[in-house]
Amino acid sequence: MMSLRRTSFCIFTVLLIVGCGSSSSDASKARIKAMAGGELKNVVPVSGKVLVDGQSVSGVLLQLWSSNSSEKPRKNLIAGADGKYCWSTYNVCDGLEPGAYKLTFKHLKDPEKEKERGFVPGRYGDASNSKYELTVEAGNPQVNVDYDLNTK
């Protein structure tokens, strides 16, 4: 009985090691290009911090919209507990395609279930009335793109 368990464990371990080889964790440009289904667009790093009434708050959802459409957001992200965020396209924090965007914000009660709480959604959550804009220029990384949302 013990020998069968030991043998099963050894087989499982070997399969696990083989299955976790470098090919599955390959984040090369060629692999990302293949996964994206074509040429990769140039992206520009964009990062910053979101505050609510001057304070870091966990669970702030940022939504990025095309500047000429409010049909559906192009990207979403949830800022960290410290309010910091960075946009990602192909890799973590690699940035956004150049262009003009609108932003909306929602304060999530439970970020994993995306239940909203906090500040007024119409004030920060409506893309058609958003006053928050972001222009990303090719070759011009943007850090410290900060937003301080006022609930008062």
C-alpha atoms as a PDB file:
ATOM      1  CA  MET A   1       0.000   0.000   0.000  1.00  0.00           C
ATOM      2  CA  MET A   2       2.760   2.427   0.932  1.00  0.00           C
ATOM      3  CA  SER A   3       4.658   1.581  -2.248  1.00  0.00           C
ATOM      4  CA  LEU A   4       1.609   2.373  -4.387  1.00  0.00           C
ATOM      5  CA  ARG A   5       1.191   5.765  -2.677  1.00  0.00           C
ATOM      6  CA  ARG A   6       4.872   6.530  -3.087  1.00  0.00           C
ATOM      7  CA  THR A   7       4.777   5.538  -6.766  1.00  0.00           C
ATOM      8  CA  SER A   8       1.634   7.612  -7.366  1.00  0.00           C
ATOM      9  CA  PHE A   9       3.245  10.578  -5.647  1.00  0.00           C
ATOM     10  CA  CYS A  10       6.384  10.251  -7.790  1.00  0.00           C
ATOM     11  CA  ILE A  11       4.352  10.039 -11.006  1.00  0.00           C
ATOM     12  CA  PHE A  12       2.268  13.059  -9.979  1.00  0.00           C
ATOM     13  CA  THR A  13       5.416  15.035  -9.153  1.00  0.00           C
ATOM     14  CA  VAL A  14       7.034  14.215 -12.505  1.00  0.00           C
ATOM     15  CA  LEU A  15       3.872  15.190 -14.397  1.00  0.00           C
ATOM     16  CA  LEU A  16       3.627  18.410 -12.432  1.00  0.00           C
ATOM     17  CA  ILE A  17       7.228  19.327 -13.203  1.00  0.00           C
ATOM     18  CA  VAL A  18       6.867  18.473 -16.894  1.00  0.00           C
ATOM     19  CA  GLY A  19       3.578  20.368 -17.098  1.00  0.00           C
ATOM     20  CA  CYS A  20       5.117  23.482 -15.544  1.00  0.00           C
ATOM     21  CA  GLY A  21       7.973  23.705 -17.991  1.00  0.00           C
ATOM     22  CA  SER A  22       9.226  26.941 -19.477  1.00  0.00           C
ATOM     23  CA  SER A  23       6.983  26.767 -22.554  1.00  0.00           C
ATOM     24  CA  SER A  24       3.833  27.440 -20.508  1.00  0.00           C
ATOM     25  CA  SER A  25       5.385  30.400 -18.717  1.00  0.00           C
ATOM     26  CA  ASP A  26       6.933  31.915 -21.842  1.00  0.00           C
ATOM     27  CA  ALA A  27       6.114  35.626 -21.829  1.00  0.00           C
ATOM     28  CA  SER A  28       8.236  36.444 -24.854  1.00  0.00           C
ATOM     29  CA  LYS A  29       7.067  38.976 -27.387  1.00  0.00           C
ATOM     30  CA  ALA A  30       6.594  36.184 -29.948  1.00  0.00           C
ATOM     31  CA  ARG A  31       4.346  34.180 -27.617  1.00  0.00           C
ATOM     32  CA  ILE A  32       2.310  37.226 -26.628  1.00  0.00           C
ATOM     33  CA  LYS A  33       1.965  38.130 -30.320  1.00  0.00           C
ATOM     34  CA  ALA A  34       0.684  34.617 -31.062  1.00  0.00           C
ATOM     35  CA  MET A  35      -1.799  34.813 -28.185  1.00  0.00           C
ATOM     36  CA  ALA A  36      -2.985  38.271 -29.312  1.00  0.00           C
ATOM     37  CA  GLY A  37      -3.557  36.975 -32.836  1.00  0.00           C
ATOM     38  CA  GLY A  38      -1.418  39.486 -34.676  1.00  0.00           C
ATOM     39  CA  GLU A  39       0.964  42.372 -34.441  1.00  0.00           C
ATOM     40  CA  LEU A  40       1.367  43.946 -31.022  1.00  0.00           C
ATOM     41  CA  LYS A  41       0.531  47.607 -30.824  1.00  0.00           C
ATOM     42  CA  ASN A  42       2.971  49.938 -29.155  1.00  0.00           C
ATOM     43  CA  VAL A  43       1.898  50.772 -25.625  1.00  0.00           C
ATOM     44  CA  VAL A  44       2.942  53.536 -23.266  1.00  0.00           C
ATOM     45  CA  PRO A  45       3.276  53.056 -19.484  1.00  0.00           C
ATOM     46  CA  VAL A  46       0.611  54.939 -17.508  1.00  0.00           C
ATOM     47  CA  SER A  47       0.382  54.757 -13.724  1.00  0.00           C
ATOM     48  CA  GLY A  48      -0.641  56.804 -10.735  1.00  0.00           C
ATOM     49  CA  LYS A  49      -2.778  56.875  -7.637  1.00  0.00           C
ATOM     50  CA  VAL A  50      -6.488  57.263  -6.883  1.00  0.00           C
ATOM     51  CA  LEU A  51      -7.510  58.976  -3.668  1.00  0.00           C
ATOM     52  CA  VAL A  52     -10.958  59.565  -2.234  1.00  0.00           C
ATOM     53  CA  ASP A  53     -11.190  62.790  -0.244  1.00  0.00           C
ATOM     54  CA  GLY A  54      -7.393  62.817  -0.070  1.00  0.00           C
ATOM     55  CA  GLN A  55      -7.149  59.301   1.389  1.00  0.00           C
ATOM     56  CA  SER A  56      -6.120  55.947  -0.041  1.00  0.00           C
ATOM     57  CA  VAL A  57      -9.132  53.624  -0.233  1.00  0.00           C
ATOM     58  CA  SER A  58      -9.158  49.994  -1.294  1.00  0.00           C
ATOM     59  CA  GLY A  59     -11.484  48.772  -4.008  1.00  0.00           C
ATOM     60  CA  VAL A  60     -11.607  51.662  -6.477  1.00  0.00           C
ATOM     61  CA  LEU A  61     -12.459  50.379  -9.953  1.00  0.00           C
ATOM     62  CA  LEU A  62     -11.086  52.456 -12.833  1.00  0.00           C
ATOM     63  CA  GLN A  63     -12.733  52.009 -16.218  1.00  0.00           C
ATOM     64  CA  LEU A  64     -11.152  53.268 -19.419  1.00  0.00           C
ATOM     65  CA  TRP A  65     -13.462  54.273 -22.274  1.00  0.00           C
ATOM     66  CA  SER A  66     -12.842  55.448 -25.822  1.00  0.00           C
ATOM     67  CA  SER A  67     -13.223  59.211 -25.841  1.00  0.00           C
ATOM     68  CA  ASN A  68     -15.879  59.004 -28.558  1.00  0.00           C
ATOM     69  CA  SER A  69     -17.961  56.132 -27.168  1.00  0.00           C
ATOM     70  CA  SER A  70     -19.609  55.150 -23.913  1.00  0.00           C
ATOM     71  CA  GLU A  71     -20.943  51.763 -25.056  1.00  0.00           C
ATOM     72  CA  LYS A  72     -18.576  49.624 -22.984  1.00  0.00           C
ATOM     73  CA  PRO A  73     -15.266  50.172 -21.233  1.00  0.00           C
ATOM     74  CA  ARG A  74     -12.112  49.198 -23.103  1.00  0.00           C
ATOM     75  CA  LYS A  75     -10.247  48.258 -19.923  1.00  0.00           C
ATOM     76  CA  ASN A  76     -10.858  47.884 -16.204  1.00  0.00           C
ATOM     77  CA  LEU A  77      -8.567  47.709 -13.220  1.00  0.00           C
ATOM     78  CA  ILE A  78      -8.863  47.881  -9.463  1.00  0.00           C
ATOM     79  CA  ALA A  79      -6.410  50.152  -7.671  1.00  0.00           C
ATOM     80  CA  GLY A  80      -4.462  48.657  -4.792  1.00  0.00           C
ATOM     81  CA  ALA A  81      -5.243  49.335  -1.136  1.00  0.00           C
ATOM     82  CA  ASP A  82      -2.732  52.191  -1.281  1.00  0.00           C
ATOM     83  CA  GLY A  83      -4.591  53.675  -4.270  1.00  0.00           C
ATOM     84  CA  LYS A  84      -1.807  52.878  -6.737  1.00  0.00           C
ATOM     85  CA  TYR A  85      -2.640  51.591 -10.186  1.00  0.00           C
ATOM     86  CA  CYS A  86      -0.977  50.901 -13.535  1.00  0.00           C
ATOM     87  CA  TRP A  87      -2.589  50.055 -16.859  1.00  0.00           C
ATOM     88  CA  SER A  88      -1.753  46.769 -18.594  1.00  0.00           C
ATOM     89  CA  THR A  89      -2.248  45.602 -22.167  1.00  0.00           C
ATOM     90  CA  TYR A  90       0.041  42.645 -22.885  1.00  0.00           C
ATOM     91  CA  ASN A  91       2.101  42.412 -19.700  1.00  0.00           C
ATOM     92  CA  VAL A  92       1.609  43.729 -16.187  1.00  0.00           C
ATOM     93  CA  CYS A  93       1.949  47.512 -16.136  1.00  0.00           C
ATOM     94  CA  ASP A  94       3.168  47.752 -19.733  1.00  0.00           C
ATOM     95  CA  GLY A  95       0.702  50.531 -20.503  1.00  0.00           C
ATOM     96  CA  LEU A  96      -1.945  51.639 -22.977  1.00  0.00           C
ATOM     97  CA  GLU A  97      -2.135  52.257 -26.701  1.00  0.00           C
ATOM     98  CA  PRO A  98      -1.733  55.927 -27.604  1.00  0.00           C
ATOM     99  CA  GLY A  99      -5.061  57.709 -27.856  1.00  0.00           C
ATOM    100  CA  ALA A 100      -7.676  59.771 -26.073  1.00  0.00           C
ATOM    101  CA  TYR A 101      -9.736  58.167 -23.319  1.00  0.00           C
ATOM    102  CA  LYS A 102     -12.385  58.941 -20.724  1.00  0.00           C
ATOM    103  CA  LEU A 103     -12.255  57.490 -17.213  1.00  0.00           C
ATOM    104  CA  THR A 104     -14.906  56.466 -14.749  1.00  0.00           C
ATOM    105  CA  PHE A 105     -14.530  55.369 -11.145  1.00  0.00           C
ATOM    106  CA  LYS A 106     -16.544  53.153  -8.843  1.00  0.00           C
ATOM    107  CA  HIS A 107     -15.855  52.302  -5.234  1.00  0.00           C
ATOM    108  CA  LEU A 108     -16.388  48.578  -4.778  1.00  0.00           C
ATOM    109  CA  LYS A 109     -17.583  47.152  -1.495  1.00  0.00           C
ATOM    110  CA  ASP A 110     -16.271  43.736  -2.455  1.00  0.00           C
ATOM    111  CA  PRO A 111     -13.803  43.988  -5.380  1.00  0.00           C
ATOM    112  CA  GLU A 112     -14.036  40.257  -6.085  1.00  0.00           C
ATOM    113  CA  LYS A 113     -17.810  40.456  -6.528  1.00  0.00           C
ATOM    114  CA  GLU A 114     -17.759  44.036  -7.846  1.00  0.00           C
ATOM    115  CA  LYS A 115     -20.579  45.268  -5.606  1.00  0.00           C
ATOM    116  CA  GLU A 116     -20.605  49.041  -5.589  1.00  0.00           C
ATOM    117  CA  ARG A 117     -20.571  51.314  -2.555  1.00  0.00           C
ATOM    118  CA  GLY A 118     -19.174  54.664  -1.606  1.00  0.00           C
ATOM    119  CA  PHE A 119     -19.332  57.737  -3.784  1.00  0.00           C
ATOM    120  CA  VAL A 120     -22.195  58.633  -6.082  1.00  0.00           C
ATOM    121  CA  PRO A 121     -22.051  56.544  -9.304  1.00  0.00           C
ATOM    122  CA  GLY A 122     -23.591  59.291 -11.449  1.00  0.00           C
ATOM    123  CA  ARG A 123     -20.848  61.629 -10.426  1.00  0.00           C
ATOM    124  CA  TYR A 124     -17.903  59.379 -11.260  1.00  0.00           C
ATOM    125  CA  GLY A 125     -19.399  56.271 -12.862  1.00  0.00           C
ATOM    126  CA  ASP A 126     -21.149  57.665 -15.963  1.00  0.00           C
ATOM    127  CA  ALA A 127     -18.920  57.593 -19.047  1.00  0.00           C
ATOM    128  CA  SER A 128     -21.159  59.893 -21.066  1.00  0.00           C
ATOM    129  CA  ASN A 129     -20.766  62.653 -18.455  1.00  0.00           C
ATOM    130  CA  SER A 130     -17.220  61.951 -17.286  1.00  0.00           C
ATOM    131  CA  LYS A 131     -14.970  64.965 -16.916  1.00  0.00           C
ATOM    132  CA  TYR A 132     -11.910  62.748 -16.460  1.00  0.00           C
ATOM    133  CA  GLU A 133      -9.855  62.435 -19.616  1.00  0.00           C
ATOM    134  CA  LEU A 134      -6.532  60.808 -20.381  1.00  0.00           C
ATOM    135  CA  THR A 135      -4.430  61.422 -23.473  1.00  0.00           C
ATOM    136  CA  VAL A 136      -1.686  58.888 -24.100  1.00  0.00           C
ATOM    137  CA  GLU A 137       1.035  60.003 -26.498  1.00  0.00           C
ATOM    138  CA  ALA A 138       3.410  57.574 -28.208  1.00  0.00           C
ATOM    139  CA  GLY A 139       6.816  57.481 -26.548  1.00  0.00           C
ATOM    140  CA  ASN A 140       5.702  59.596 -23.578  1.00  0.00           C
ATOM    141  CA  PRO A 141       5.371  57.414 -20.431  1.00  0.00           C
ATOM    142  CA  GLN A 142       3.131  58.932 -17.793  1.00  0.00           C
ATOM    143  CA  VAL A 143       3.697  58.337 -14.099  1.00  0.00           C
ATOM    144  CA  ASN A 144       1.898  60.094 -11.266  1.00  0.00           C
ATOM    145  CA  VAL A 145      -1.359  60.350 -13.195  1.00  0.00           C
ATOM    146  CA  ASP A 146      -3.253  60.906  -9.971  1.00  0.00           C
ATOM    147  CA  TYR A 147      -6.946  61.427  -9.305  1.00  0.00           C
ATOM    148  CA  ASP A 148      -8.456  62.760  -6.069  1.00  0.00           C
ATOM    149  CA  LEU A 149     -12.168  62.088  -6.038  1.00  0.00           C
ATOM    150  CA  ASN A 150     -14.203  64.371  -3.811  1.00  0.00           C
ATOM    151  CA  THR A 151     -17.351  62.998  -2.176  1.00  0.00           C
ATOM    152  CA  LYS A 152     -18.318  66.200  -0.379  1.00  0.00           C
END
